[in-house]
């Protein structure tokens, strides 16, 4: 399902530095020693190997976990759920043994002899509860309601102009809700320290909090992702961009069937104009002022490929045409590419990045 659909449906460890924002009301903290496991294993229906129950009971005894092994009730399925019981959290884990002797849990299977792997998984359940560790799960390991809430929290627009500020100052001015804390991972310390020297080259005023934050961080080589802690609290963790394959994106894909003049209407106004030879960044700034559409350049990625929009000059012949055609032409001539995207609030903008396969001349000329 495309992310734009999510928007329609929704409308829709940690480092030492925490940026401004009051902490949300803390959920009850359940440490592993305050988590009780109730494990039930369902036997195969019908005739089966009578030794299966004995084999798996021995596996659970080996890892020190109590288990109840029984015949299933009608339509009973494997499941994991949790509920509070006084100061404790009770996690009920229901698994099933198939006719091959494999133990099946939601999203996990274990064969006889894999008691250590099962022990590690149950330890994870004790730590994180019924949702398990968020690592490797879709939607950052959040439930649909949790993701919906987070998405909506990152929807309000940036009110202040941020262009020209240092990356550090720009981040502080992005209006994160009080319920979310922003934390730097220890691996991001060096980039965090230098964020006071790097200036933000493009304006993000008017774009939503999530997209603006993702863009500003990316220009410092950083990214953020939601982190569900063992207590169930959602925090935003900042790491080096290269270390976060599932980073919160700079905007979301738009519906390919949706007319572009509905997404970025200002770019589809026709004008009788042209562009005299000028640096690409100046041209884009002028078009942005006239159309009201944000044109975000991934400057850091461009400079990595020796493409500097502040130095690369472009032009466009004077004619009666749409702003979108002018932008497309000057961007392509600078060895860049443009993509229409939308922020969490559905506001369209243009994301400009280097051609994926562009190789700088200096690199091409190097001998093998």
Protein backbone atom coordinates (compact mmCIF):
# COMPACT_ATOMS: atom_id res chain seq x y z
CA UNK A 1 0.00 0.00 0.00
CA UNK A 2 1.43 3.35 -0.96
CA UNK A 3 2.23 5.83 1.76
CA UNK A 4 -0.19 8.31 0.29
CA UNK A 5 -2.93 5.80 1.06
CA UNK A 6 -1.75 5.79 4.65
CA UNK A 7 -2.18 9.54 4.72
CA UNK A 8 -5.71 9.21 3.41
CA UNK A 9 -6.50 6.56 5.99
CA UNK A 10 -4.92 8.53 8.79
CA UNK A 11 -5.95 12.15 8.11
CA UNK A 12 -4.05 11.66 7.75
CA UNK A 13 20.64 3.40 23.44
CA UNK A 14 19.76 6.67 23.29
CA UNK A 15 22.21 9.57 23.12
CA UNK A 16 22.51 12.15 25.85
CA UNK A 17 21.03 15.18 24.10
CA UNK A 18 17.25 15.67 24.19
CA UNK A 19 15.97 18.64 22.25
CA UNK A 20 13.24 20.91 23.63
CA UNK A 21 9.91 19.30 24.36
CA UNK A 22 8.27 18.16 27.55
CA UNK A 23 8.21 14.44 28.15
CA UNK A 24 4.86 12.78 27.67
CA UNK A 25 3.07 11.10 30.56
CA UNK A 26 5.11 7.96 31.09
CA UNK A 27 3.38 4.62 30.57
CA UNK A 28 3.75 2.02 33.29
CA UNK A 29 7.27 0.64 33.11
CA UNK A 30 7.36 -3.13 32.91
CA UNK A 31 10.85 -4.49 33.30
CA UNK A 32 11.43 -8.19 32.54
CA UNK A 33 11.17 -9.01 36.25
CA UNK A 34 7.69 -7.44 36.26
CA UNK A 35 6.53 -9.42 33.25
CA UNK A 36 4.88 -12.80 33.73
CA UNK A 37 4.64 -15.28 30.88
CA UNK A 38 1.68 -17.62 30.53
CA UNK A 39 2.65 -20.13 27.86
CA UNK A 40 0.14 -22.55 26.38
CA UNK A 41 0.93 -24.99 23.58
CA UNK A 42 -1.80 -26.56 21.45
CA UNK A 43 -1.36 -30.14 20.27
CA UNK A 44 -2.22 -31.17 16.70
CA UNK A 45 -5.86 -32.00 16.22
CA UNK A 46 -6.65 -35.66 15.70
CA UNK A 47 -4.26 -38.58 16.10
CA UNK A 48 -0.61 -37.62 16.44
CA UNK A 49 2.70 -38.56 17.99
CA UNK A 50 2.06 -38.96 21.76
CA UNK A 51 5.70 -38.08 22.47
CA UNK A 52 5.42 -34.55 21.05
CA UNK A 53 4.08 -33.09 24.27
CA UNK A 54 6.80 -34.78 26.29
CA UNK A 55 9.58 -33.55 23.97
CA UNK A 56 8.43 -29.94 24.10
CA UNK A 57 7.80 -30.04 27.84
CA UNK A 58 11.45 -31.02 28.25
CA UNK A 59 12.51 -28.12 26.00
CA UNK A 60 10.65 -25.64 28.21
CA UNK A 61 12.07 -27.20 31.38
CA UNK A 62 15.54 -26.74 29.87
CA UNK A 63 15.04 -22.97 29.59
CA UNK A 64 13.24 -22.65 32.92
CA UNK A 65 9.77 -21.72 31.65
CA UNK A 66 6.51 -23.25 32.82
CA UNK A 67 4.19 -24.41 30.05
CA UNK A 68 0.73 -25.89 29.68
CA UNK A 69 0.30 -28.30 26.77
CA UNK A 70 -3.26 -29.22 25.83
CA UNK A 71 -5.72 -30.00 23.09
CA UNK A 72 -7.01 -26.94 21.22
CA UNK A 73 -10.52 -25.60 21.57
CA UNK A 74 -12.64 -25.04 18.46
CA UNK A 75 -11.02 -22.51 16.07
CA UNK A 76 -8.31 -21.67 18.61
CA UNK A 77 -5.23 -20.09 17.01
CA UNK A 78 -1.72 -19.08 17.96
CA UNK A 79 -1.61 -15.61 19.52
CA UNK A 80 0.24 -13.24 21.83
CA UNK A 81 -1.57 -10.80 24.10
CA UNK A 82 -0.90 -8.89 27.27
CA UNK A 83 -2.79 -7.28 30.14
CA UNK A 84 -1.89 -5.63 33.44
CA UNK A 85 -2.29 -7.50 36.70
CA UNK A 86 -1.50 -5.25 39.64
CA UNK A 87 2.14 -4.12 39.31
CA UNK A 88 2.82 -6.84 36.74
CA UNK A 89 2.32 -7.27 33.02
CA UNK A 90 0.99 -10.70 32.01
CA UNK A 91 1.87 -11.78 28.50
CA UNK A 92 -0.06 -14.81 27.29
CA UNK A 93 1.76 -16.72 24.55
CA UNK A 94 -0.22 -19.39 22.72
CA UNK A 95 1.66 -21.64 20.32
CA UNK A 96 0.84 -24.82 18.43
CA UNK A 97 2.72 -27.97 17.50
CA UNK A 98 2.21 -29.19 13.95
CA UNK A 99 2.33 -32.82 12.87
CA UNK A 100 6.05 -32.50 12.08
CA UNK A 101 6.79 -31.50 15.66
CA UNK A 102 7.52 -27.86 14.82
CA UNK A 103 6.39 -25.34 17.43
CA UNK A 104 4.62 -22.37 15.83
CA UNK A 105 4.08 -18.93 17.37
CA UNK A 106 2.92 -15.74 15.64
CA UNK A 107 5.82 -14.88 13.33
CA UNK A 108 8.15 -17.51 14.85
CA UNK A 109 8.78 -21.24 14.51
CA UNK A 110 11.08 -23.53 16.50
CA UNK A 111 12.17 -27.11 15.99
CA UNK A 112 13.04 -29.53 18.80
CA UNK A 113 16.57 -28.73 19.93
CA UNK A 114 16.19 -24.98 19.38
CA UNK A 115 15.48 -24.23 23.02
CA UNK A 116 18.18 -21.53 23.21
CA UNK A 117 16.70 -19.65 20.24
CA UNK A 118 13.28 -19.93 21.86
CA UNK A 119 14.67 -18.68 25.17
CA UNK A 120 16.10 -15.58 23.43
CA UNK A 121 12.74 -14.87 21.81
CA UNK A 122 10.83 -15.26 25.08
CA UNK A 123 13.35 -12.93 26.75
CA UNK A 124 12.53 -10.38 24.05
CA UNK A 125 8.82 -10.81 24.81
CA UNK A 126 9.51 -10.23 28.50
CA UNK A 127 11.36 -7.02 27.61
CA UNK A 128 9.02 -5.53 25.01
CA UNK A 129 5.70 -7.20 25.79
CA UNK A 130 3.31 -8.71 23.26
CA UNK A 131 4.50 -6.43 20.43
CA UNK A 132 8.00 -7.83 20.66
CA UNK A 133 11.13 -5.96 19.63
CA UNK A 134 10.49 -3.28 16.97
CA UNK A 135 13.65 -4.30 15.11
CA UNK A 136 12.86 -5.40 11.56
CA UNK A 137 9.10 -5.02 11.90
CA UNK A 138 6.98 -3.02 9.43
CA UNK A 139 5.89 0.49 10.46
CA UNK A 140 8.95 0.64 12.76
CA UNK A 141 7.40 -2.04 14.94
CA UNK A 142 4.39 0.16 15.73
CA UNK A 143 0.81 -0.96 15.67
CA UNK A 144 -1.45 0.75 13.14
CA UNK A 145 -3.00 3.01 15.83
CA UNK A 146 0.48 3.90 17.14
CA UNK A 147 1.71 4.75 13.65
CA UNK A 148 -1.43 6.77 12.94
CA UNK A 149 -0.93 8.80 16.11
CA UNK A 150 2.74 9.42 15.30
CA UNK A 151 1.93 10.39 11.71
CA UNK A 152 -0.60 12.93 12.95
CA UNK A 153 1.88 14.27 15.52
CA UNK A 154 4.32 15.00 12.69
CA UNK A 155 1.72 16.72 10.49
CA UNK A 156 1.65 20.35 11.83
CA UNK A 157 3.54 22.78 9.56
CA UNK A 158 6.76 24.62 10.34
CA UNK A 159 5.71 28.21 11.06
CA UNK A 160 9.07 30.00 11.07
CA UNK A 161 11.49 30.52 8.16
CA UNK A 162 14.55 28.34 8.70
CA UNK A 163 16.67 28.96 5.60
CA UNK A 164 20.10 30.33 6.47
CA UNK A 165 20.06 29.02 10.03
CA UNK A 166 22.55 26.43 11.16
CA UNK A 167 21.30 22.86 11.06
CA UNK A 168 21.36 22.78 14.87
CA UNK A 169 19.32 25.98 15.15
CA UNK A 170 16.85 24.84 12.48
CA UNK A 171 16.21 21.56 14.31
CA UNK A 172 15.43 23.42 17.52
CA UNK A 173 12.83 25.54 15.71
CA UNK A 174 10.94 22.59 14.21
CA UNK A 175 7.75 22.29 16.29
CA UNK A 176 7.90 18.78 17.67
CA UNK A 177 4.94 17.97 19.93
CA UNK A 178 5.52 17.74 23.66
CA UNK A 179 4.70 14.03 23.53
CA UNK A 180 7.82 13.26 21.47
CA UNK A 181 11.45 13.53 22.51
CA UNK A 182 14.28 13.77 19.98
CA UNK A 183 17.40 11.84 20.94
CA UNK A 184 20.84 11.45 19.38
CA UNK A 185 22.38 8.00 19.17
CA UNK A 186 26.00 7.87 20.31
CA UNK A 187 27.06 7.14 16.70
CA UNK A 188 25.71 10.56 15.65
CA UNK A 189 27.76 12.55 18.17
CA UNK A 190 30.36 13.85 15.68
CA UNK A 191 27.73 14.97 13.17
CA UNK A 192 25.70 16.55 15.95
CA UNK A 193 28.68 18.60 17.10
CA UNK A 194 29.30 19.99 13.62
CA UNK A 195 25.63 20.84 13.03
CA UNK A 196 26.25 24.34 14.32
CA UNK A 197 28.51 25.13 11.35
CA UNK A 198 26.40 23.80 8.46
CA UNK A 199 23.83 26.25 7.08
CA UNK A 200 20.43 25.20 5.77
CA UNK A 201 20.35 26.14 2.07
CA UNK A 202 16.64 25.56 1.31
CA UNK A 203 13.49 26.78 3.01
CA UNK A 204 11.13 24.31 4.71
CA UNK A 205 8.66 26.81 6.16
CA UNK A 206 5.11 25.56 5.53
CA UNK A 207 6.07 21.92 5.21
CA UNK A 208 4.98 19.49 7.90
CA UNK A 209 7.13 18.69 10.92
CA UNK A 210 8.08 15.15 9.88
CA UNK A 211 9.16 16.02 6.34
CA UNK A 212 10.96 19.20 7.45
CA UNK A 213 12.85 17.37 10.18
CA UNK A 214 13.84 14.55 7.83
CA UNK A 215 15.12 17.07 5.26
CA UNK A 216 17.05 19.24 7.71
CA UNK A 217 18.73 16.23 9.30
CA UNK A 218 19.60 14.74 5.90
CA UNK A 219 21.62 17.83 5.00
CA UNK A 220 23.86 17.05 7.97
CA UNK A 221 24.15 13.38 7.04
CA UNK A 222 21.62 12.41 9.69
CA UNK A 223 18.19 10.77 9.79
CA UNK A 224 15.57 9.88 12.34
CA UNK A 225 13.35 6.90 12.92
CA UNK A 226 10.65 6.19 15.51
CA UNK A 227 11.80 3.99 18.37
CA UNK A 228 9.39 2.05 20.55
CA UNK A 229 11.08 1.54 23.89
CA UNK A 230 10.43 -1.44 26.18
CA UNK A 231 8.07 0.77 28.20
CA UNK A 232 5.96 1.38 25.09
CA UNK A 233 6.95 5.05 24.77
CA UNK A 234 7.61 6.35 21.25
CA UNK A 235 10.76 8.42 20.81
CA UNK A 236 12.56 9.78 17.74
CA UNK A 237 16.11 8.47 17.43
CA UNK A 238 18.69 10.37 15.33
CA UNK A 239 21.43 8.33 13.69
CA UNK A 240 23.85 8.75 10.77
CA UNK A 241 21.86 8.54 7.54
CA UNK A 242 24.03 5.70 6.27
CA UNK A 243 23.07 3.59 9.30
CA UNK A 244 19.28 3.91 8.90
CA UNK A 245 17.89 2.05 5.87
CA UNK A 246 14.34 2.68 7.12
CA UNK A 247 14.75 6.37 7.96
CA UNK A 248 11.67 8.57 8.11
CA UNK A 249 11.51 9.86 4.52
CA UNK A 250 11.73 13.37 3.11
CA UNK A 251 8.09 13.29 2.03
CA UNK A 252 5.97 10.45 0.76
CA UNK A 253 5.21 9.14 -2.75
CA UNK A 254 2.12 10.61 -4.36
CA UNK A 255 -0.63 8.74 -6.15
CA UNK A 256 0.65 8.16 -9.68
CA UNK A 257 -2.89 8.54 -11.01
CA UNK A 258 -3.45 11.88 -9.29
CA UNK A 259 -3.05 14.87 -11.64
CA UNK A 260 0.14 16.77 -10.89
CA UNK A 261 -1.66 20.10 -11.16
CA UNK A 262 -3.60 19.07 -8.04
CA UNK A 263 -0.45 18.17 -6.13
CA UNK A 264 1.63 21.28 -6.96
CA UNK A 265 -0.82 23.65 -8.69
CA UNK A 266 1.57 26.60 -8.66
CA UNK A 267 4.00 24.80 -10.98
CA UNK A 268 1.33 24.31 -13.63
CA UNK A 269 0.57 27.95 -14.15
CA UNK A 270 1.62 29.05 -17.63
CA UNK A 271 3.77 32.13 -18.08
CA UNK A 272 5.60 33.91 -20.85
CA UNK A 273 9.13 33.87 -19.48
CA UNK A 274 12.61 32.44 -19.76
CA UNK A 275 15.76 32.03 -17.73
CA UNK A 276 18.97 33.82 -18.51
CA UNK A 277 22.18 32.07 -17.58
CA UNK A 278 22.31 31.91 -13.78
CA UNK A 279 23.23 29.47 -10.99
CA UNK A 280 20.63 26.74 -10.59
CA UNK A 281 20.03 27.56 -6.92
CA UNK A 282 19.11 31.16 -7.76
CA UNK A 283 16.79 30.03 -10.54
CA UNK A 284 15.02 27.54 -8.26
CA UNK A 285 14.64 30.14 -5.51
CA UNK A 286 13.03 32.55 -7.97
CA UNK A 287 10.61 29.89 -9.25
CA UNK A 288 9.76 28.88 -5.69
CA UNK A 289 8.90 32.50 -4.85
CA UNK A 290 6.63 32.82 -7.89
CA UNK A 291 4.84 29.46 -7.59
CA UNK A 292 4.60 28.95 -3.82
CA UNK A 293 5.87 25.38 -4.24
CA UNK A 294 8.84 24.18 -2.20
CA UNK A 295 11.74 22.98 -4.36
CA UNK A 296 14.04 21.04 -2.03
CA UNK A 297 17.51 20.14 -3.31
CA UNK A 298 19.46 17.35 -1.68
CA UNK A 299 22.57 19.52 -1.57
CA UNK A 300 24.62 17.06 0.45
CA UNK A 301 24.03 14.22 -2.04
CA UNK A 302 24.66 16.60 -4.95
CA UNK A 303 27.99 17.78 -3.57
CA UNK A 304 29.00 14.16 -3.03
CA UNK A 305 28.76 13.78 -6.82
CA UNK A 306 30.54 17.07 -7.45
CA UNK A 307 27.30 18.76 -8.48
CA UNK A 308 26.95 22.15 -6.85
CA UNK A 309 23.67 23.91 -7.73
CA UNK A 310 25.15 27.13 -6.36
CA UNK A 311 27.83 27.03 -9.07
CA UNK A 312 26.18 25.14 -11.94
CA UNK A 313 24.63 27.62 -14.39
CA UNK A 314 21.46 26.93 -16.36
CA UNK A 315 19.22 28.75 -18.82
CA UNK A 316 15.86 28.37 -20.56
CA UNK A 317 14.63 30.11 -23.73
CA UNK A 318 11.88 32.68 -23.35
CA UNK A 319 8.52 31.17 -24.30
CA UNK A 320 4.95 30.68 -23.11
CA UNK A 321 5.14 27.57 -20.93
CA UNK A 322 4.45 26.07 -17.50
CA UNK A 323 6.79 26.51 -14.57
CA UNK A 324 6.98 22.73 -14.22
CA UNK A 325 8.62 22.42 -17.66
CA UNK A 326 11.17 25.06 -16.79
CA UNK A 327 12.05 23.34 -13.52
CA UNK A 328 12.32 19.96 -15.24
CA UNK A 329 14.59 21.37 -17.95
CA UNK A 330 17.04 23.26 -15.74
CA UNK A 331 17.22 20.41 -13.24
CA UNK A 332 18.00 17.82 -15.91
CA UNK A 333 20.63 20.09 -17.46
CA UNK A 334 22.36 20.14 -14.08
CA UNK A 335 22.48 16.30 -13.99
CA UNK A 336 19.75 16.19 -11.36
CA UNK A 337 16.28 14.70 -11.30
CA UNK A 338 13.00 15.89 -9.78
CA UNK A 339 10.26 13.92 -8.04
CA UNK A 340 6.86 15.10 -6.86
CA UNK A 341 6.30 14.24 -3.22
CA UNK A 342 3.93 15.22 -0.43
CA UNK A 343 4.42 15.83 3.26
CA UNK A 344 2.43 14.30 6.12
CA UNK A 345 -0.29 16.93 5.67
CA UNK A 346 -0.62 16.20 1.95
CA UNK A 347 1.20 19.36 0.80
CA UNK A 348 3.02 18.74 -2.46
CA UNK A 349 6.62 19.73 -3.10
CA UNK A 350 9.50 18.85 -5.43
CA UNK A 351 12.42 16.70 -4.27
CA UNK A 352 15.56 17.25 -6.36
CA UNK A 353 18.41 14.74 -6.21
CA UNK A 354 21.36 13.68 -8.41
CA UNK A 355 20.84 11.11 -11.14
CA UNK A 356 21.49 7.75 -9.50
CA UNK A 357 23.94 6.67 -12.20
CA UNK A 358 25.71 10.00 -12.67
CA UNK A 359 29.50 9.67 -12.41
CA UNK A 360 31.55 12.86 -12.01
CA UNK A 361 34.04 13.51 -14.86
CA UNK A 362 36.96 13.43 -12.46
CA UNK A 363 35.96 9.92 -11.43
CA UNK A 364 35.46 8.80 -15.02
CA UNK A 365 38.92 9.93 -16.00
CA UNK A 366 40.70 8.01 -13.26
CA UNK A 367 42.69 5.03 -14.60
CA UNK A 368 41.58 1.55 -13.59
